[in-house]
mmCIF file of all heavy atoms, coordinates in Angstrom:
data_MODEL
# 
_entry.id   MODEL 
# 
loop_
_atom_site.group_PDB 
_atom_site.id 
_atom_site.type_symbol 
_atom_site.label_atom_id 
_atom_site.label_alt_id 
_atom_site.label_comp_id 
_atom_site.label_asym_id 
_atom_site.label_entity_id 
_atom_site.label_seq_id 
_atom_site.pdbx_PDB_ins_code 
_atom_site.Cartn_x 
_atom_site.Cartn_y 
_atom_site.Cartn_z 
_atom_site.occupancy 
_atom_site.B_iso_or_equiv 
_atom_site.pdbx_formal_charge 
_atom_site.auth_seq_id 
_atom_site.auth_comp_id 
_atom_site.auth_asym_id 
_atom_site.auth_atom_id 
_atom_site.pdbx_PDB_model_num 
ATOM 1   N N   . PRO A 1 1  ? -9.986  -8.056  12.325  1.00 0.00 ? 1  PRO A N   1 
ATOM 2   C CA  . PRO A 1 1  ? -9.232  -8.788  11.295  1.00 0.00 ? 1  PRO A CA  1 
ATOM 3   C C   . PRO A 1 1  ? -9.518  -8.292  9.894   1.00 0.00 ? 1  PRO A C   1 
ATOM 4   O O   . PRO A 1 1  ? -8.618  -8.107  9.081   1.00 0.00 ? 1  PRO A O   1 
ATOM 5   C CB  . PRO A 1 1  ? -9.701  -10.235 11.472  1.00 0.00 ? 1  PRO A CB  1 
ATOM 6   C CG  . PRO A 1 1  ? -10.207 -10.298 12.858  1.00 0.00 ? 1  PRO A CG  1 
ATOM 7   C CD  . PRO A 1 1  ? -10.747 -8.970  13.177  1.00 0.00 ? 1  PRO A CD  1 
ATOM 8   N N   . ALA A 1 2  ? -10.779 -8.076  9.620   1.00 0.00 ? 2  ALA A N   1 
ATOM 9   C CA  . ALA A 1 2  ? -11.116 -7.585  8.278   1.00 0.00 ? 2  ALA A CA  1 
ATOM 10  C C   . ALA A 1 2  ? -10.536 -6.213  8.040   1.00 0.00 ? 2  ALA A C   1 
ATOM 11  O O   . ALA A 1 2  ? -9.991  -5.914  6.972   1.00 0.00 ? 2  ALA A O   1 
ATOM 12  C CB  . ALA A 1 2  ? -12.630 -7.566  8.110   1.00 0.00 ? 2  ALA A CB  1 
ATOM 13  N N   . SER A 1 3  ? -10.639 -5.380  9.077   1.00 0.00 ? 3  SER A N   1 
ATOM 14  C CA  . SER A 1 3  ? -10.106 -4.023  8.927   1.00 0.00 ? 3  SER A CA  1 
ATOM 15  C C   . SER A 1 3  ? -8.598  -4.054  8.777   1.00 0.00 ? 3  SER A C   1 
ATOM 16  O O   . SER A 1 3  ? -8.014  -3.264  8.034   1.00 0.00 ? 3  SER A O   1 
ATOM 17  C CB  . SER A 1 3  ? -10.517 -3.183  10.132  1.00 0.00 ? 3  SER A CB  1 
ATOM 18  O OG  . SER A 1 3  ? -9.974  -3.732  11.320  1.00 0.00 ? 3  SER A OG  1 
ATOM 19  N N   . LYS A 1 4  ? -7.945  -4.995  9.540   1.00 0.00 ? 4  LYS A N   1 
ATOM 20  C CA  . LYS A 1 4  ? -6.499  -5.110  9.401   1.00 0.00 ? 4  LYS A CA  1 
ATOM 21  C C   . LYS A 1 4  ? -6.114  -5.517  7.989   1.00 0.00 ? 4  LYS A C   1 
ATOM 22  O O   . LYS A 1 4  ? -5.166  -4.986  7.404   1.00 0.00 ? 4  LYS A O   1 
ATOM 23  C CB  . LYS A 1 4  ? -5.961  -6.142  10.395  1.00 0.00 ? 4  LYS A CB  1 
ATOM 24  C CG  . LYS A 1 4  ? -5.917  -5.607  11.826  1.00 0.00 ? 4  LYS A CG  1 
ATOM 25  C CD  . LYS A 1 4  ? -5.392  -6.663  12.760  1.00 0.00 ? 4  LYS A CD  1 
ATOM 26  C CE  . LYS A 1 4  ? -5.355  -6.136  14.195  1.00 0.00 ? 4  LYS A CE  1 
ATOM 27  N NZ  . LYS A 1 4  ? -4.883  -7.164  15.133  1.00 0.00 ? 4  LYS A NZ  1 
ATOM 28  N N   . ASN A 1 5  ? -6.829  -6.509  7.471   1.00 0.00 ? 5  ASN A N   1 
ATOM 29  C CA  . ASN A 1 5  ? -6.533  -6.943  6.104   1.00 0.00 ? 5  ASN A CA  1 
ATOM 30  C C   . ASN A 1 5  ? -6.724  -5.800  5.122   1.00 0.00 ? 5  ASN A C   1 
ATOM 31  O O   . ASN A 1 5  ? -5.915  -5.586  4.212   1.00 0.00 ? 5  ASN A O   1 
ATOM 32  C CB  . ASN A 1 5  ? -7.450  -8.115  5.720   1.00 0.00 ? 5  ASN A CB  1 
ATOM 33  C CG  . ASN A 1 5  ? -7.132  -9.355  6.556   1.00 0.00 ? 5  ASN A CG  1 
ATOM 34  O OD1 . ASN A 1 5  ? -5.959  -9.580  6.896   1.00 0.00 ? 5  ASN A OD1 1 
ATOM 35  N ND2 . ASN A 1 5  ? -8.136  -10.147 6.872   1.00 0.00 ? 5  ASN A ND2 1 
ATOM 36  N N   . VAL A 1 6  ? -7.785  -5.055  5.329   1.00 0.00 ? 6  VAL A N   1 
ATOM 37  C CA  . VAL A 1 6  ? -8.039  -3.926  4.441   1.00 0.00 ? 6  VAL A CA  1 
ATOM 38  C C   . VAL A 1 6  ? -6.935  -2.894  4.578   1.00 0.00 ? 6  VAL A C   1 
ATOM 39  O O   . VAL A 1 6  ? -6.425  -2.351  3.589   1.00 0.00 ? 6  VAL A O   1 
ATOM 40  C CB  . VAL A 1 6  ? -9.405  -3.292  4.762   1.00 0.00 ? 6  VAL A CB  1 
ATOM 41  C CG1 . VAL A 1 6  ? -9.590  -2.005  3.984   1.00 0.00 ? 6  VAL A CG1 1 
ATOM 42  C CG2 . VAL A 1 6  ? -10.520 -4.276  4.436   1.00 0.00 ? 6  VAL A CG2 1 
ATOM 43  N N   . ASN A 1 7  ? -6.536  -2.645  5.837   1.00 0.00 ? 7  ASN A N   1 
ATOM 44  C CA  . ASN A 1 7  ? -5.472  -1.660  6.062   1.00 0.00 ? 7  ASN A CA  1 
ATOM 45  C C   . ASN A 1 7  ? -4.159  -2.133  5.442   1.00 0.00 ? 7  ASN A C   1 
ATOM 46  O O   . ASN A 1 7  ? -3.402  -1.348  4.868   1.00 0.00 ? 7  ASN A O   1 
ATOM 47  C CB  . ASN A 1 7  ? -5.289  -1.425  7.550   1.00 0.00 ? 7  ASN A CB  1 
ATOM 48  C CG  . ASN A 1 7  ? -6.481  -0.691  8.145   1.00 0.00 ? 7  ASN A CG  1 
ATOM 49  O OD1 . ASN A 1 7  ? -7.087  0.133   7.475   1.00 0.00 ? 7  ASN A OD1 1 
ATOM 50  N ND2 . ASN A 1 7  ? -6.822  -1.008  9.389   1.00 0.00 ? 7  ASN A ND2 1 
ATOM 51  N N   . LYS A 1 8  ? -3.865  -3.453  5.605   1.00 0.00 ? 8  LYS A N   1 
ATOM 52  C CA  . LYS A 1 8  ? -2.639  -3.992  5.002   1.00 0.00 ? 8  LYS A CA  1 
ATOM 53  C C   . LYS A 1 8  ? -2.649  -3.821  3.496   1.00 0.00 ? 8  LYS A C   1 
ATOM 54  O O   . LYS A 1 8  ? -1.656  -3.436  2.884   1.00 0.00 ? 8  LYS A O   1 
ATOM 55  C CB  . LYS A 1 8  ? -2.498  -5.474  5.360   1.00 0.00 ? 8  LYS A CB  1 
ATOM 56  C CG  . LYS A 1 8  ? -2.061  -5.694  6.810   1.00 0.00 ? 8  LYS A CG  1 
ATOM 57  C CD  . LYS A 1 8  ? -1.941  -7.177  7.097   1.00 0.00 ? 8  LYS A CD  1 
ATOM 58  C CE  . LYS A 1 8  ? -1.530  -7.412  8.543   1.00 0.00 ? 8  LYS A CE  1 
ATOM 59  N NZ  . LYS A 1 8  ? -1.423  -8.851  8.854   1.00 0.00 ? 8  LYS A NZ  1 
ATOM 60  N N   . LYS A 1 9  ? -3.784  -4.142  2.922   1.00 0.00 ? 9  LYS A N   1 
ATOM 61  C CA  . LYS A 1 9  ? -3.878  -4.021  1.469   1.00 0.00 ? 9  LYS A CA  1 
ATOM 62  C C   . LYS A 1 9  ? -3.682  -2.586  1.032   1.00 0.00 ? 9  LYS A C   1 
ATOM 63  O O   . LYS A 1 9  ? -2.959  -2.300  0.071   1.00 0.00 ? 9  LYS A O   1 
ATOM 64  C CB  . LYS A 1 9  ? -5.238  -4.533  0.992   1.00 0.00 ? 9  LYS A CB  1 
ATOM 65  C CG  . LYS A 1 9  ? -5.376  -6.045  1.096   1.00 0.00 ? 9  LYS A CG  1 
ATOM 66  C CD  . LYS A 1 9  ? -6.731  -6.492  0.601   1.00 0.00 ? 9  LYS A CD  1 
ATOM 67  C CE  . LYS A 1 9  ? -6.868  -8.006  0.705   1.00 0.00 ? 9  LYS A CE  1 
ATOM 68  N NZ  . LYS A 1 9  ? -8.187  -8.458  0.247   1.00 0.00 ? 9  LYS A NZ  1 
ATOM 69  N N   . THR A 1 10 ? -4.332  -1.688  1.778   1.00 0.00 ? 10 THR A N   1 
ATOM 70  C CA  . THR A 1 10 ? -4.211  -0.270  1.406   1.00 0.00 ? 10 THR A CA  1 
ATOM 71  C C   . THR A 1 10 ? -2.786  0.219   1.593   1.00 0.00 ? 10 THR A C   1 
ATOM 72  O O   . THR A 1 10 ? -2.266  0.981   0.769   1.00 0.00 ? 10 THR A O   1 
ATOM 73  C CB  . THR A 1 10 ? -5.168  0.561   2.265   1.00 0.00 ? 10 THR A CB  1 
ATOM 74  O OG1 . THR A 1 10 ? -4.945  0.272   3.650   1.00 0.00 ? 10 THR A OG1 1 
ATOM 75  C CG2 . THR A 1 10 ? -6.603  0.274   1.918   1.00 0.00 ? 10 THR A CG2 1 
ATOM 76  N N   . THR A 1 11 ? -2.132  -0.232  2.665   1.00 0.00 ? 11 THR A N   1 
ATOM 77  C CA  . THR A 1 11 ? -0.734  0.195   2.891   1.00 0.00 ? 11 THR A CA  1 
ATOM 78  C C   . THR A 1 11 ? 0.179   -0.365  1.802   1.00 0.00 ? 11 THR A C   1 
ATOM 79  O O   . THR A 1 11 ? 1.100   0.320   1.319   1.00 0.00 ? 11 THR A O   1 
ATOM 80  C CB  . THR A 1 11 ? -0.252  -0.292  4.264   1.00 0.00 ? 11 THR A CB  1 
ATOM 81  O OG1 . THR A 1 11 ? -0.538  -1.696  4.414   1.00 0.00 ? 11 THR A OG1 1 
ATOM 82  C CG2 . THR A 1 11 ? -0.959  0.471   5.383   1.00 0.00 ? 11 THR A CG2 1 
ATOM 83  N N   . ARG A 1 12 ? -0.051  -1.626  1.428   1.00 0.00 ? 12 ARG A N   1 
ATOM 84  C CA  . ARG A 1 12 ? 0.763   -2.204  0.369   1.00 0.00 ? 12 ARG A CA  1 
ATOM 85  C C   . ARG A 1 12 ? 0.595   -1.449  -0.933  1.00 0.00 ? 12 ARG A C   1 
ATOM 86  O O   . ARG A 1 12 ? 1.569   -1.146  -1.641  1.00 0.00 ? 12 ARG A O   1 
ATOM 87  C CB  . ARG A 1 12 ? 0.388   -3.676  0.154   1.00 0.00 ? 12 ARG A CB  1 
ATOM 88  C CG  . ARG A 1 12 ? 0.873   -4.590  1.274   1.00 0.00 ? 12 ARG A CG  1 
ATOM 89  C CD  . ARG A 1 12 ? 0.370   -5.996  1.061   1.00 0.00 ? 12 ARG A CD  1 
ATOM 90  N NE  . ARG A 1 12 ? 0.765   -6.867  2.165   1.00 0.00 ? 12 ARG A NE  1 
ATOM 91  C CZ  . ARG A 1 12 ? 0.340   -8.115  2.287   1.00 0.00 ? 12 ARG A CZ  1 
ATOM 92  N NH1 . ARG A 1 12 ? -0.498  -8.638  1.378   1.00 0.00 ? 12 ARG A NH1 1 
ATOM 93  N NH2 . ARG A 1 12 ? 0.740   -8.846  3.315   1.00 0.00 ? 12 ARG A NH2 1 
ATOM 94  N N   . VAL A 1 13 ? -0.665  -1.168  -1.236  1.00 0.00 ? 13 VAL A N   1 
ATOM 95  C CA  . VAL A 1 13 ? -0.920  -0.439  -2.486  1.00 0.00 ? 13 VAL A CA  1 
ATOM 96  C C   . VAL A 1 13 ? -0.263  0.927   -2.440  1.00 0.00 ? 13 VAL A C   1 
ATOM 97  O O   . VAL A 1 13 ? 0.351   1.385   -3.416  1.00 0.00 ? 13 VAL A O   1 
ATOM 98  C CB  . VAL A 1 13 ? -2.435  -0.312  -2.710  1.00 0.00 ? 13 VAL A CB  1 
ATOM 99  C CG1 . VAL A 1 13 ? -2.732  0.617   -3.879  1.00 0.00 ? 13 VAL A CG1 1 
ATOM 100 C CG2 . VAL A 1 13 ? -3.060  -1.691  -2.958  1.00 0.00 ? 13 VAL A CG2 1 
ATOM 101 N N   . SER A 1 14 ? -0.390  1.599   -1.276  1.00 0.00 ? 14 SER A N   1 
ATOM 102 C CA  . SER A 1 14 ? 0.210   2.928   -1.153  1.00 0.00 ? 14 SER A CA  1 
ATOM 103 C C   . SER A 1 14 ? 1.731   2.854   -1.227  1.00 0.00 ? 14 SER A C   1 
ATOM 104 O O   . SER A 1 14 ? 2.384   3.704   -1.835  1.00 0.00 ? 14 SER A O   1 
ATOM 105 C CB  . SER A 1 14 ? -0.220  3.564   0.176   1.00 0.00 ? 14 SER A CB  1 
ATOM 106 O OG  . SER A 1 14 ? 0.228   2.779   1.263   1.00 0.00 ? 14 SER A OG  1 
ATOM 107 N N   . GLN A 1 15 ? 2.331   1.802   -0.609  1.00 0.00 ? 15 GLN A N   1 
ATOM 108 C CA  . GLN A 1 15 ? 3.788   1.639   -0.686  1.00 0.00 ? 15 GLN A CA  1 
ATOM 109 C C   . GLN A 1 15 ? 4.250   1.412   -2.117  1.00 0.00 ? 15 GLN A C   1 
ATOM 110 O O   . GLN A 1 15 ? 5.253   1.962   -2.572  1.00 0.00 ? 15 GLN A O   1 
ATOM 111 C CB  . GLN A 1 15 ? 4.219   0.455   0.201   1.00 0.00 ? 15 GLN A CB  1 
ATOM 112 C CG  . GLN A 1 15 ? 4.161   0.791   1.697   1.00 0.00 ? 15 GLN A CG  1 
ATOM 113 C CD  . GLN A 1 15 ? 4.476   -0.417  2.555   1.00 0.00 ? 15 GLN A CD  1 
ATOM 114 O OE1 . GLN A 1 15 ? 4.735   -1.507  2.030   1.00 0.00 ? 15 GLN A OE1 1 
ATOM 115 N NE2 . GLN A 1 15 ? 4.462   -0.216  3.868   1.00 0.00 ? 15 GLN A NE2 1 
ATOM 116 N N   . LYS A 1 16 ? 3.477   0.581   -2.841  1.00 0.00 ? 16 LYS A N   1 
ATOM 117 C CA  . LYS A 1 16 ? 3.837   0.335   -4.232  1.00 0.00 ? 16 LYS A CA  1 
ATOM 118 C C   . LYS A 1 16 ? 3.772   1.609   -5.043  1.00 0.00 ? 16 LYS A C   1 
ATOM 119 O O   . LYS A 1 16 ? 4.645   1.906   -5.865  1.00 0.00 ? 16 LYS A O   1 
ATOM 120 C CB  . LYS A 1 16 ? 2.906   -0.726  -4.827  1.00 0.00 ? 16 LYS A CB  1 
ATOM 121 C CG  . LYS A 1 16 ? 3.207   -2.131  -4.323  1.00 0.00 ? 16 LYS A CG  1 
ATOM 122 C CD  . LYS A 1 16 ? 2.260   -3.134  -4.963  1.00 0.00 ? 16 LYS A CD  1 
ATOM 123 C CE  . LYS A 1 16 ? 2.543   -4.538  -4.460  1.00 0.00 ? 16 LYS A CE  1 
ATOM 124 N NZ  . LYS A 1 16 ? 1.641   -5.531  -5.082  1.00 0.00 ? 16 LYS A NZ  1 
ATOM 125 N N   . LYS A 1 17 ? 2.710   2.375   -4.786  1.00 0.00 ? 17 LYS A N   1 
ATOM 126 C CA  . LYS A 1 17 ? 2.574   3.638   -5.512  1.00 0.00 ? 17 LYS A CA  1 
ATOM 127 C C   . LYS A 1 17 ? 3.734   4.566   -5.190  1.00 0.00 ? 17 LYS A C   1 
ATOM 128 O O   . LYS A 1 17 ? 4.302   5.229   -6.073  1.00 0.00 ? 17 LYS A O   1 
ATOM 129 C CB  . LYS A 1 17 ? 1.248   4.300   -5.153  1.00 0.00 ? 17 LYS A CB  1 
ATOM 130 C CG  . LYS A 1 17 ? 0.043   3.633   -5.781  1.00 0.00 ? 17 LYS A CG  1 
ATOM 131 C CD  . LYS A 1 17 ? -1.227  4.390   -5.423  1.00 0.00 ? 17 LYS A CD  1 
ATOM 132 C CE  . LYS A 1 17 ? -2.438  3.749   -6.084  1.00 0.00 ? 17 LYS A CE  1 
ATOM 133 N NZ  . LYS A 1 17 ? -3.682  4.463   -5.740  1.00 0.00 ? 17 LYS A NZ  1 
ATOM 134 N N   . ASN A 1 18 ? 4.063   4.618   -3.882  1.00 0.00 ? 18 ASN A N   1 
ATOM 135 C CA  . ASN A 1 18 ? 5.168   5.500   -3.487  1.00 0.00 ? 18 ASN A CA  1 
ATOM 136 C C   . ASN A 1 18 ? 6.481   5.062   -4.135  1.00 0.00 ? 18 ASN A C   1 
ATOM 137 O O   . ASN A 1 18 ? 7.290   5.888   -4.582  1.00 0.00 ? 18 ASN A O   1 
ATOM 138 C CB  . ASN A 1 18 ? 5.321   5.495   -1.976  1.00 0.00 ? 18 ASN A CB  1 
ATOM 139 C CG  . ASN A 1 18 ? 4.140   6.189   -1.292  1.00 0.00 ? 18 ASN A CG  1 
ATOM 140 O OD1 . ASN A 1 18 ? 3.593   7.130   -1.868  1.00 0.00 ? 18 ASN A OD1 1 
ATOM 141 N ND2 . ASN A 1 18 ? 3.755   5.720   -0.122  1.00 0.00 ? 18 ASN A ND2 1 
ATOM 142 N N   . LYS A 1 19 ? 6.726   3.719   -4.169  1.00 0.00 ? 19 LYS A N   1 
ATOM 143 C CA  . LYS A 1 19 ? 7.927   3.208   -4.807  1.00 0.00 ? 19 LYS A CA  1 
ATOM 144 C C   . LYS A 1 19 ? 7.970   3.571   -6.274  1.00 0.00 ? 19 LYS A C   1 
ATOM 145 O O   . LYS A 1 19 ? 8.993   3.988   -6.822  1.00 0.00 ? 19 LYS A O   1 
ATOM 146 C CB  . LYS A 1 19 ? 8.010   1.690   -4.652  1.00 0.00 ? 19 LYS A CB  1 
ATOM 147 C CG  . LYS A 1 19 ? 8.437   1.258   -3.255  1.00 0.00 ? 19 LYS A CG  1 
ATOM 148 C CD  . LYS A 1 19 ? 8.528   -0.261  -3.178  1.00 0.00 ? 19 LYS A CD  1 
ATOM 149 C CE  . LYS A 1 19 ? 8.937   -0.698  -1.786  1.00 0.00 ? 19 LYS A CE  1 
ATOM 150 N NZ  . LYS A 1 19 ? 9.035   -2.171  -1.698  1.00 0.00 ? 19 LYS A NZ  1 
ATOM 151 N N   . LYS A 1 20 ? 6.820   3.394   -6.927  1.00 0.00 ? 20 LYS A N   1 
ATOM 152 C CA  . LYS A 1 20 ? 6.774   3.734   -8.352  1.00 0.00 ? 20 LYS A CA  1 
ATOM 153 C C   . LYS A 1 20 ? 7.062   5.207   -8.563  1.00 0.00 ? 20 LYS A C   1 
ATOM 154 O O   . LYS A 1 20 ? 7.799   5.607   -9.464  1.00 0.00 ? 20 LYS A O   1 
ATOM 155 C CB  . LYS A 1 20 ? 5.397   3.388   -8.917  1.00 0.00 ? 20 LYS A CB  1 
ATOM 156 C CG  . LYS A 1 20 ? 5.185   1.891   -9.096  1.00 0.00 ? 20 LYS A CG  1 
ATOM 157 C CD  . LYS A 1 20 ? 3.815   1.631   -9.683  1.00 0.00 ? 20 LYS A CD  1 
ATOM 158 C CE  . LYS A 1 20 ? 3.583   0.133   -9.883  1.00 0.00 ? 20 LYS A CE  1 
ATOM 159 N NZ  . LYS A 1 20 ? 2.255   -0.150  -10.453 1.00 0.00 ? 20 LYS A NZ  1 
ATOM 160 N N   . GLN A 1 21 ? 6.453   6.031   -7.689  1.00 0.00 ? 21 GLN A N   1 
ATOM 161 C CA  . GLN A 1 21 ? 6.672   7.474   -7.826  1.00 0.00 ? 21 GLN A CA  1 
ATOM 162 C C   . GLN A 1 21 ? 8.132   7.827   -7.600  1.00 0.00 ? 21 GLN A C   1 
ATOM 163 O O   . GLN A 1 21 ? 8.728   8.624   -8.337  1.00 0.00 ? 21 GLN A O   1 
ATOM 164 C CB  . GLN A 1 21 ? 5.780   8.225   -6.842  1.00 0.00 ? 21 GLN A CB  1 
ATOM 165 C CG  . GLN A 1 21 ? 4.297   8.190   -7.216  1.00 0.00 ? 21 GLN A CG  1 
ATOM 166 C CD  . GLN A 1 21 ? 3.426   8.838   -6.177  1.00 0.00 ? 21 GLN A CD  1 
ATOM 167 O OE1 . GLN A 1 21 ? 3.944   9.281   -5.142  1.00 0.00 ? 21 GLN A OE1 1 
ATOM 168 N NE2 . GLN A 1 21 ? 2.132   8.890   -6.447  1.00 0.00 ? 21 GLN A NE2 1 
ATOM 169 N N   . THR A 1 22 ? 8.724   7.218   -6.562  1.00 0.00 ? 22 THR A N   1 
ATOM 170 C CA  . THR A 1 22 ? 10.154  7.495   -6.297  1.00 0.00 ? 22 THR A CA  1 
ATOM 171 C C   . THR A 1 22 ? 11.032  7.004   -7.436  1.00 0.00 ? 22 THR A C   1 
ATOM 172 O O   . THR A 1 22 ? 12.005  7.666   -7.845  1.00 0.00 ? 22 THR A O   1 
ATOM 173 C CB  . THR A 1 22 ? 10.577  6.823   -4.983  1.00 0.00 ? 22 THR A CB  1 
ATOM 174 O OG1 . THR A 1 22 ? 10.194  5.428   -5.004  1.00 0.00 ? 22 THR A OG1 1 
ATOM 175 C CG2 . THR A 1 22 ? 9.884   7.472   -3.800  1.00 0.00 ? 22 THR A CG2 1 
ATOM 176 N N   . ASN A 1 23 ? 10.717  5.823   -7.974  1.00 0.00 ? 23 ASN A N   1 
ATOM 177 C CA  . ASN A 1 23 ? 11.505  5.285   -9.089  1.00 0.00 ? 23 ASN A CA  1 
ATOM 178 C C   . ASN A 1 23 ? 11.401  6.182   -10.309 1.00 0.00 ? 23 ASN A C   1 
ATOM 179 O O   . ASN A 1 23 ? 12.389  6.454   -11.001 1.00 0.00 ? 23 ASN A O   1 
ATOM 180 C CB  . ASN A 1 23 ? 11.032  3.872   -9.445  1.00 0.00 ? 23 ASN A CB  1 
ATOM 181 C CG  . ASN A 1 23 ? 11.382  2.873   -8.346  1.00 0.00 ? 23 ASN A CG  1 
ATOM 182 O OD1 . ASN A 1 23 ? 12.442  3.016   -7.696  1.00 0.00 ? 23 ASN A OD1 1 
ATOM 183 N ND2 . ASN A 1 23 ? 10.547  1.864   -8.142  1.00 0.00 ? 23 ASN A ND2 1 
ATOM 184 N N   . THR A 1 24 ? 10.178  6.648   -10.558 1.00 0.00 ? 24 THR A N   1 
ATOM 185 C CA  . THR A 1 24 ? 10.007  7.530   -11.719 1.00 0.00 ? 24 THR A CA  1 
ATOM 186 C C   . THR A 1 24 ? 10.756  8.835   -11.519 1.00 0.00 ? 24 THR A C   1 
ATOM 187 O O   . THR A 1 24 ? 11.369  9.375   -12.449 1.00 0.00 ? 24 THR A O   1 
ATOM 188 C CB  . THR A 1 24 ? 8.511   7.808   -11.942 1.00 0.00 ? 24 THR A CB  1 
ATOM 189 O OG1 . THR A 1 24 ? 7.910   8.264   -10.725 1.00 0.00 ? 24 THR A OG1 1 
ATOM 190 C CG2 . THR A 1 24 ? 7.775   6.561   -12.406 1.00 0.00 ? 24 THR A CG2 1 
# 
């Protein structure tokens, strides 16, 4: 569970970064 939460957080952060990069 902890690892999943960590993975979710990391994926969300990476998705946000990717979105920002694509938007830019």
